[in-house]
Protein backbone atom coordinates (compact mmCIF):
# COMPACT_ATOMS: atom_id res chain seq x y z
CA MET A 1 -29.31 26.38 -13.26
CA PRO A 2 -31.93 24.95 -15.20
CA PRO A 3 -34.72 26.87 -16.75
CA LEU A 4 -38.20 27.10 -15.14
CA PRO A 5 -40.53 24.96 -16.57
CA SER A 6 -43.07 27.19 -18.93
CA ILE A 7 -47.00 27.61 -18.09
CA ALA A 8 -47.81 25.39 -21.29
CA GLN A 9 -45.27 22.83 -19.60
CA LEU A 10 -46.92 22.77 -16.12
CA ALA A 11 -50.51 22.43 -17.86
CA ALA A 12 -49.27 19.36 -19.90
CA ILE A 13 -47.87 17.88 -16.80
CA ALA A 14 -51.05 18.35 -14.89
CA LEU A 15 -53.20 16.94 -17.67
CA VAL A 16 -50.86 14.02 -17.64
CA LEU A 17 -51.22 13.52 -13.88
CA ALA A 18 -54.95 14.54 -13.74
CA PRO A 19 -56.42 10.90 -14.29
CA SER A 20 -54.37 9.41 -11.70
CA LEU A 21 -55.09 12.32 -8.90
CA ALA A 22 -58.90 11.82 -9.74
CA SER A 23 -58.48 8.33 -9.35
CA ALA A 24 -57.02 8.39 -5.95
CA ALA A 25 -59.92 11.03 -4.93
CA ILE A 26 -62.90 9.15 -6.36
CA PHE A 27 -63.01 6.99 -3.26
CA PRO A 28 -62.97 7.98 0.42
CA LYS A 29 -59.44 8.11 2.00
CA ASP A 30 -59.84 5.42 4.61
CA THR A 31 -61.66 2.99 1.76
CA LEU A 32 -61.19 -0.51 2.01
CA VAL A 33 -61.76 -0.44 -1.69
CA LYS A 34 -58.47 -1.89 -3.51
CA MET A 35 -57.51 -0.14 -6.69
CA ILE A 36 -56.13 -3.07 -9.11
CA ASP A 37 -54.47 -2.92 -12.44
CA PRO A 38 -54.24 -6.01 -14.80
CA LYS A 39 -51.76 -7.55 -12.62
CA GLY A 40 -53.71 -7.06 -9.88
CA PHE A 41 -56.87 -8.42 -11.27
CA LYS A 42 -54.87 -11.60 -12.30
CA ARG A 43 -54.10 -12.24 -8.78
CA ALA A 44 -57.31 -11.51 -7.68
CA MET A 45 -58.95 -14.05 -9.96
CA LYS A 46 -56.36 -16.93 -9.06
CA THR A 47 -57.54 -16.92 -5.24
CA ASN A 48 -60.56 -18.53 -5.93
CA GLN A 49 -62.85 -16.69 -3.56
CA THR A 50 -66.02 -14.60 -4.08
CA SER A 51 -64.99 -10.62 -4.79
CA MET A 52 -66.57 -7.78 -6.40
CA VAL A 53 -64.76 -5.37 -8.68
CA ALA A 54 -66.23 -2.02 -9.89
CA PHE A 55 -64.99 -0.47 -13.10
CA VAL A 56 -64.88 2.97 -13.19
CA ALA A 57 -63.69 6.57 -14.73
CA PRO A 58 -62.51 9.31 -12.42
CA TRP A 59 -64.53 12.06 -14.75
CA CYS A 60 -67.62 10.08 -14.60
CA GLY A 61 -70.26 12.03 -11.89
CA HIS A 62 -72.36 8.30 -11.63
CA CYS A 63 -69.03 6.82 -10.48
CA GLN A 64 -68.13 9.71 -8.09
CA ARG A 65 -71.66 9.74 -6.54
CA MET A 66 -71.15 5.72 -6.23
CA ALA A 67 -67.89 5.75 -4.67
CA PRO A 68 -69.06 6.16 -0.92
CA GLU A 69 -71.78 3.76 -1.01
CA TYR A 70 -69.51 1.14 -3.04
CA SER A 71 -66.96 2.04 0.12
CA LYS A 72 -69.46 1.33 2.83
CA ALA A 73 -70.22 -2.15 1.30
CA ALA A 74 -66.69 -2.74 1.11
CA LEU A 75 -66.42 -2.17 5.01
CA GLY A 76 -69.46 -4.66 5.57
CA LEU A 77 -67.97 -7.20 3.51
CA HIS A 78 -64.42 -6.76 4.78
CA PRO A 79 -62.45 -9.49 5.07
CA LEU A 80 -64.73 -12.13 3.64
CA ILE A 81 -65.39 -10.71 0.15
CA PRO A 82 -62.60 -8.58 -1.27
CA VAL A 83 -64.09 -5.21 -2.99
CA TYR A 84 -61.58 -3.77 -6.17
CA ALA A 85 -62.05 -1.01 -8.37
CA VAL A 86 -60.47 -0.58 -11.90
CA ASP A 87 -59.75 2.97 -13.23
CA CYS A 88 -60.60 2.23 -17.08
CA ASP A 89 -59.49 5.94 -17.92
CA ALA A 90 -55.62 4.85 -17.57
CA ASP A 91 -54.17 3.44 -20.58
CA ALA A 92 -52.64 0.37 -18.72
CA ASN A 93 -55.98 -0.68 -17.98
CA LYS A 94 -57.96 -0.15 -21.10
CA ARG A 95 -57.44 -3.50 -22.43
CA LEU A 96 -58.77 -5.17 -19.17
CA CYS A 97 -61.85 -3.31 -19.19
CA ALA A 98 -62.42 -4.01 -22.71
CA GLU A 99 -61.75 -7.81 -22.16
CA GLN A 100 -64.42 -7.48 -19.32
CA GLY A 101 -67.07 -5.92 -21.44
CA VAL A 102 -67.30 -2.82 -19.92
CA LYS A 103 -69.39 -0.04 -22.24
CA GLY A 104 -70.36 2.20 -19.74
CA PHE A 105 -69.34 3.59 -16.30
CA PRO A 106 -69.69 2.59 -13.52
CA THR A 107 -69.66 -1.09 -14.54
CA VAL A 108 -69.89 -3.32 -11.23
CA LYS A 109 -68.98 -6.97 -11.55
CA LEU A 110 -69.16 -10.23 -9.27
CA PHE A 111 -66.83 -12.98 -9.62
CA PRO A 112 -68.06 -15.83 -7.65
CA ARG A 113 -64.95 -17.84 -7.59
CA GLY A 114 -62.20 -16.14 -9.26
CA ASN A 115 -61.89 -17.48 -12.83
CA GLN A 116 -63.65 -20.50 -12.24
CA LEU A 117 -67.15 -19.23 -12.70
CA GLY A 118 -68.44 -16.79 -14.99
CA SER A 119 -69.04 -13.39 -13.66
CA MET A 120 -72.12 -11.44 -13.04
CA THR A 121 -73.16 -7.89 -13.78
CA TYR A 122 -75.00 -5.68 -11.26
CA GLU A 123 -77.59 -4.19 -13.33
CA SER A 124 -79.87 -2.47 -10.66
CA GLY A 125 -80.33 1.27 -10.96
CA GLU A 126 -79.86 1.44 -6.73
CA ARG A 127 -76.01 2.04 -6.05
CA THR A 128 -76.40 1.72 -2.32
CA ALA A 129 -74.43 0.32 0.28
CA SER A 130 -77.10 -2.16 1.15
CA ALA A 131 -77.90 -3.18 -2.47
CA PHE A 132 -74.16 -3.92 -3.16
CA PHE A 133 -73.84 -5.76 0.32
CA TYR A 134 -76.60 -7.94 -0.29
CA TRP A 135 -76.08 -8.81 -4.25
CA ALA A 136 -72.51 -9.91 -3.27
CA SER A 137 -73.40 -11.75 -0.14
CA ARG A 138 -76.16 -14.01 -1.64
CA ARG A 139 -74.12 -15.08 -4.42
CA VAL A 140 -71.04 -16.87 -2.84
CA PRO A 141 -71.30 -20.20 -4.36
CA ASN A 142 -70.59 -23.66 -2.78
CA SER A 143 -72.66 -23.22 0.18
CA PRO A 144 -72.36 -25.57 3.17
CA THR A 145 -74.97 -28.41 3.52
CA LYS A 146 -77.88 -27.30 5.62
CA LEU A 147 -78.83 -30.07 8.41
CA TYR A 148 -81.92 -29.27 9.61
CA GLU A 149 -82.50 -31.94 12.34
CA ILE A 150 -80.27 -33.35 14.55
CA LYS A 151 -80.93 -36.71 12.85
CA ASP A 152 -79.50 -35.65 9.78
CA ILE A 153 -76.03 -35.23 11.08
CA ALA A 154 -74.70 -38.71 11.73
CA PRO A 155 -75.74 -39.76 7.85
CA TRP A 156 -73.88 -36.71 6.52
CA VAL A 157 -70.83 -37.15 8.62
CA GLU A 158 -70.84 -40.92 7.21
CA LYS A 159 -71.51 -39.88 3.90
CA THR A 160 -68.66 -37.73 3.51
CA SER A 161 -66.45 -39.69 5.89
CA THR A 162 -63.53 -39.97 2.74
CA LYS A 163 -62.96 -36.06 3.65
CA HIS A 164 -62.44 -33.98 6.91
CA ARG A 165 -65.48 -32.02 7.94
CA ALA A 166 -66.36 -28.95 9.76
CA LEU A 167 -69.98 -28.91 11.57
CA LEU A 168 -71.41 -25.50 12.79
CA LEU A 169 -73.96 -25.27 15.36
CA THR A 170 -75.40 -22.06 15.40
CA LYS A 171 -78.76 -20.47 16.81
CA ASP A 172 -79.03 -18.19 13.63
CA THR A 173 -81.94 -19.12 10.95
CA LYS A 174 -79.51 -18.32 8.13
CA ILE A 175 -76.26 -19.59 7.39
CA PRO A 176 -73.87 -16.79 8.51
CA LEU A 177 -71.78 -15.29 5.81
CA LEU A 178 -68.60 -16.34 7.15
CA TRP A 179 -69.16 -19.97 7.00
CA LYS A 180 -70.37 -19.47 3.51
CA VAL A 181 -67.23 -17.91 2.38
CA LEU A 182 -65.28 -20.91 4.32
CA SER A 183 -67.08 -23.56 2.21
CA ASN A 184 -66.16 -21.70 -0.98
CA LYS A 185 -62.77 -21.15 -0.14
CA TYR A 186 -62.33 -24.75 1.01
CA LYS A 187 -64.42 -26.31 -1.75
CA ASP A 188 -63.13 -29.88 -2.82
CA GLN A 189 -60.85 -30.01 0.36
CA LEU A 190 -63.29 -29.69 3.27
CA GLU A 191 -66.96 -30.76 3.82
CA LEU A 192 -68.89 -27.63 5.64
CA GLY A 193 -71.96 -28.47 7.33
CA THR A 194 -74.15 -26.31 9.41
CA HIS A 195 -77.09 -26.96 11.96
CA ARG A 196 -79.28 -24.51 13.50
CA ASP A 197 -79.35 -25.19 17.36
CA ARG A 198 -81.47 -22.74 18.62
CA GLU A 199 -82.26 -23.91 22.16
CA GLY A 200 -79.07 -25.98 22.70
CA LYS A 201 -80.91 -29.25 22.54
CA SER A 202 -78.76 -30.65 19.81
CA SER A 203 -75.49 -29.69 21.87
CA GLU A 204 -76.60 -31.74 24.52
CA VAL A 205 -77.62 -34.91 22.45
CA LEU A 206 -74.16 -34.77 21.08
CA GLY A 207 -72.53 -34.78 24.74
CA LEU A 208 -72.07 -30.82 24.69
CA GLU A 209 -73.23 -28.00 27.26
CA GLY A 210 -76.44 -26.49 25.75
CA GLY A 211 -76.12 -23.20 27.07
CA GLY A 212 -73.93 -20.38 25.57
CA LYS A 213 -74.59 -17.47 23.22
CA GLY A 214 -71.62 -18.45 20.57
CA ALA A 215 -71.35 -21.10 17.96
CA LYS A 216 -69.73 -24.43 18.07
CA VAL A 217 -67.56 -25.82 15.29
CA LEU A 218 -66.95 -29.34 15.34
CA ILE A 219 -64.11 -31.28 13.17
CA TYR A 220 -64.55 -34.53 11.99
CA PRO A 221 -61.54 -36.06 10.94
CA ALA A 222 -61.38 -38.17 7.82
CA GLY A 223 -62.51 -41.71 8.30
CA SER A 224 -63.91 -41.05 11.53
CA THR A 225 -67.05 -40.23 12.99
CA LYS A 226 -66.07 -38.83 16.26
CA PHE A 227 -65.62 -35.11 16.39
CA VAL A 228 -62.98 -32.50 17.98
CA ARG A 229 -64.48 -29.63 19.32
CA TYR A 230 -62.48 -26.73 18.13
CA GLU A 231 -61.63 -24.09 21.00
CA GLY A 232 -60.35 -21.20 19.18
CA LEU A 233 -61.66 -17.80 18.00
CA THR A 234 -64.60 -18.12 15.68
CA LYS A 235 -63.13 -15.38 12.95
CA PHE A 236 -62.49 -15.89 9.36
CA ASP A 237 -58.34 -15.49 9.68
CA SER A 238 -58.27 -17.93 13.07
CA LEU A 239 -60.70 -20.34 11.33
CA SER A 240 -58.72 -20.27 7.93
CA LYS A 241 -55.62 -20.96 9.85
CA PHE A 242 -56.89 -23.81 11.82
CA PHE A 243 -58.82 -25.30 8.78
CA ASP A 244 -55.31 -25.17 7.18
CA SER A 245 -53.75 -27.04 10.03
CA VAL A 246 -56.36 -30.04 9.79
CA LEU A 247 -55.76 -30.38 5.91
CA ASP A 248 -51.71 -31.49 6.76
CA GLY A 249 -52.11 -34.97 6.88
CA SER A 250 -49.78 -35.44 9.88
CA ALA A 251 -51.43 -32.90 12.23
CA ASP A 252 -52.79 -34.00 15.32
CA LEU A 253 -55.98 -32.24 16.07
CA SER A 254 -55.97 -32.51 19.95
CA ALA A 255 -52.36 -30.54 19.67
CA LEU A 256 -53.86 -28.30 17.04
CA ASN A 257 -56.20 -27.43 19.37
CA GLU A 258 -53.95 -26.07 22.17
CA PRO A 259 -52.48 -22.91 20.45
CA ALA A 260 -55.90 -22.29 18.87
CA ALA A 261 -57.70 -22.40 22.51
CA ALA A 262 -54.73 -19.82 23.88
CA GLU A 263 -55.16 -17.62 20.83
CA GLU A 264 -56.28 -14.07 21.94
CA TYR A 265 -58.17 -11.46 19.93
CA VAL A 266 -56.28 -8.42 19.02
CA PRO A 267 -57.80 -5.64 17.36
CA ASP A 268 -56.31 -4.58 14.10
CA ALA A 269 -55.49 -0.92 14.37
CA LYS A 270 -56.29 -0.59 10.63
CA GLU A 271 -59.77 -2.75 10.77
CA PRO A 272 -62.62 -0.21 11.11
CA GLU A 273 -65.19 -1.01 13.68
CA PRO A 274 -68.02 -1.82 13.73
CA GLU A 275 -68.56 -3.80 10.64
CA PRO A 276 -72.45 -3.68 9.19
CA GLU A 277 -74.53 -6.74 8.49
CA ILE A 278 -77.86 -7.66 6.98
CA LYS A 279 -81.01 -6.61 8.76
CA GLU A 280 -84.64 -7.72 7.97
CA VAL A 281 -86.62 -5.84 6.50
CA LYS A 282 -90.49 -5.85 6.32
CA THR A 283 -92.25 -6.28 3.07
CA GLU A 284 -94.98 -3.47 2.08
CA THR A 285 -97.85 -5.73 3.12
CA GLU A 286 -96.52 -6.67 6.42
CA ALA A 287 -95.63 -2.86 7.31
CA GLU A 288 -99.07 -1.50 5.37
CA THR A 289 -97.70 1.06 3.90
CA LYS A 290 -97.68 2.72 0.22
CA ALA A 291 -94.75 2.82 -1.61
CA PRO A 292 -93.67 6.66 -2.56
CA GLU A 293 -93.57 7.39 -6.05
CA THR A 294 -90.53 6.92 -7.79
CA PRO A 295 -89.07 10.11 -9.68
CA ALA A 296 -88.23 9.51 -13.33
CA PRO A 297 -84.34 8.95 -13.59
CA GLN A 298 -82.27 11.60 -15.56
CA ILE A 299 -80.75 10.78 -18.81
CA SER A 300 -77.23 11.76 -19.65
CA GLN A 301 -74.99 10.69 -22.27
CA VAL A 302 -71.11 9.47 -22.48
CA VAL A 303 -68.72 9.42 -24.82
CA ALA A 304 -67.23 5.94 -25.08
CA ASP A 305 -63.79 5.36 -26.54
CA ASP A 306 -64.95 4.06 -29.58
CA GLY A 307 -66.73 7.86 -30.23
CA SER A 308 -69.87 6.59 -29.99
CA GLU A 309 -72.54 8.19 -27.48
CA GLN A 310 -74.04 5.86 -24.42
CA VAL A 311 -77.05 6.71 -22.47
CA ILE A 312 -76.77 6.17 -18.88
CA LEU A 313 -79.75 6.54 -16.46
CA ASP A 314 -78.72 9.13 -13.68
CA HIS A 315 -81.49 8.25 -10.81
CA PRO A 316 -81.89 11.81 -8.44
CA LYS A 317 -79.18 11.42 -5.35
CA ASP A 318 -81.97 11.61 -2.78
CA GLU A 319 -83.98 9.33 -4.01
CA VAL A 320 -83.95 5.41 -3.71
CA GLN A 321 -84.73 3.19 -6.69
CA LYS A 322 -86.03 -0.33 -5.58
CA PRO A 323 -86.89 -3.26 -7.61
CA ALA A 324 -90.63 -3.53 -7.99
CA SER A 325 -92.31 -5.24 -5.06
CA THR A 326 -94.35 -8.66 -5.84
CA GLY A 327 -96.53 -8.39 -2.70
CA GLY A 328 -93.76 -9.89 -0.31
CA GLN A 329 -92.65 -12.48 -2.88
CA CYS A 330 -89.10 -12.15 -4.47
CA ALA A 331 -88.57 -12.71 -8.45
CA PRO A 332 -86.28 -15.45 -9.66
CA ALA A 333 -82.98 -13.70 -10.13
CA LYS A 334 -81.13 -13.67 -13.79
CA ASP A 335 -77.89 -13.97 -12.97
CA GLY A 336 -77.88 -16.31 -9.81
CA PRO A 337 -75.36 -19.44 -10.93
CA GLY A 338 -73.83 -20.20 -7.64
CA ALA A 339 -76.21 -18.41 -5.50
CA GLU A 340 -77.68 -20.78 -2.55
CA ALA A 341 -81.09 -19.16 -3.39
CA PRO A 342 -80.54 -16.55 -5.99
CA VAL A 343 -83.60 -14.10 -5.99
CA GLU A 344 -84.29 -10.43 -6.24
CA CYS A 345 -86.06 -8.38 -4.06
CA ASP A 346 -86.18 -5.49 -1.68
CA PRO A 347 -82.72 -5.15 -0.54
CA PRO A 348 -82.40 -5.10 3.44
CA ALA A 349 -80.56 -2.14 5.12
CA VAL A 350 -76.84 -2.48 6.20
CA THR A 351 -76.92 -1.50 10.02
CA THR A 352 -74.26 -1.62 12.74
CA SER A 353 -74.27 -4.97 15.01
CA GLU A 354 -72.03 -6.11 18.00
CA ARG A 355 -71.17 -9.11 15.91
CA PRO A 356 -68.99 -8.22 13.14
CA VAL A 357 -69.85 -9.90 9.77
CA ASP A 358 -66.59 -12.16 9.94
CA GLU A 359 -67.17 -13.87 13.27
CA LEU A 360 -69.65 -16.38 13.99
């Protein structure tokens, strides 16, 4: 029988395992945040989709306090914008963190289109779910063409006739995040447009029923000015599957619609419900309230890998640090490349809704 390990040996083993155990514990057990290593990061960047990555260290108190909020943001963005995290304390990841310019923890970065566009660093002191959700969802590039009037549709259809086109008729004032994500995903393959059909009058002009609560998706085959209405589920996976079929040159749209129309929604047992979405927030002027005084942040020092000390502002746990109000006006963003309308202002709250964020 081999001798039992000594207390010193057990302690050494515990020290070796500590980083991985702490890394696993930094995020909630049911989190949708995916821990990745350099290989996983490389795969994520090849997808050419918008993703958010947090570079963290398990011993970092700021990271530990951010983790629940970051996980809530991942829930709200799922499955449209993947949310990842990298443990920079692990030896295998230190080179990746250095290549990404990580000098303090946590560092949260947005990659608008994988490795095709430059990354953006989250610089706000407010590490809340709504702030992360707002920051990521506003910076999805390659936004669909917004057609403000019914008369704008025909010229757009003719101008883009060399490609397959997908037109969304929606009652929403803003372009749904799902439609933005699809436009980014199918850049250079499909032309996506959107038109607000608040009262259904545009639908009637196009020969469709004017009523109904849901959005309508119209497909214009390449070289044609006549549309085929998509009859399937208006969810991310279903629309992606349908668009992939449309891009097949031998596909018959009328035949493709038959299985799409017959598709039934089957909830994923692993997919949490409900999913959050953006809610409008009144400005200080509209609410006619006085903003509460902001307590001064606490300053803490962290020793980096190179031995240097870095100062990090630690905002009080129960207080929210909001960007300065500009009387209801949003200031231009400093890191807005690719955003439809890059702005920095008071972020909206994340609230539950009957309609998931990945459904039109």
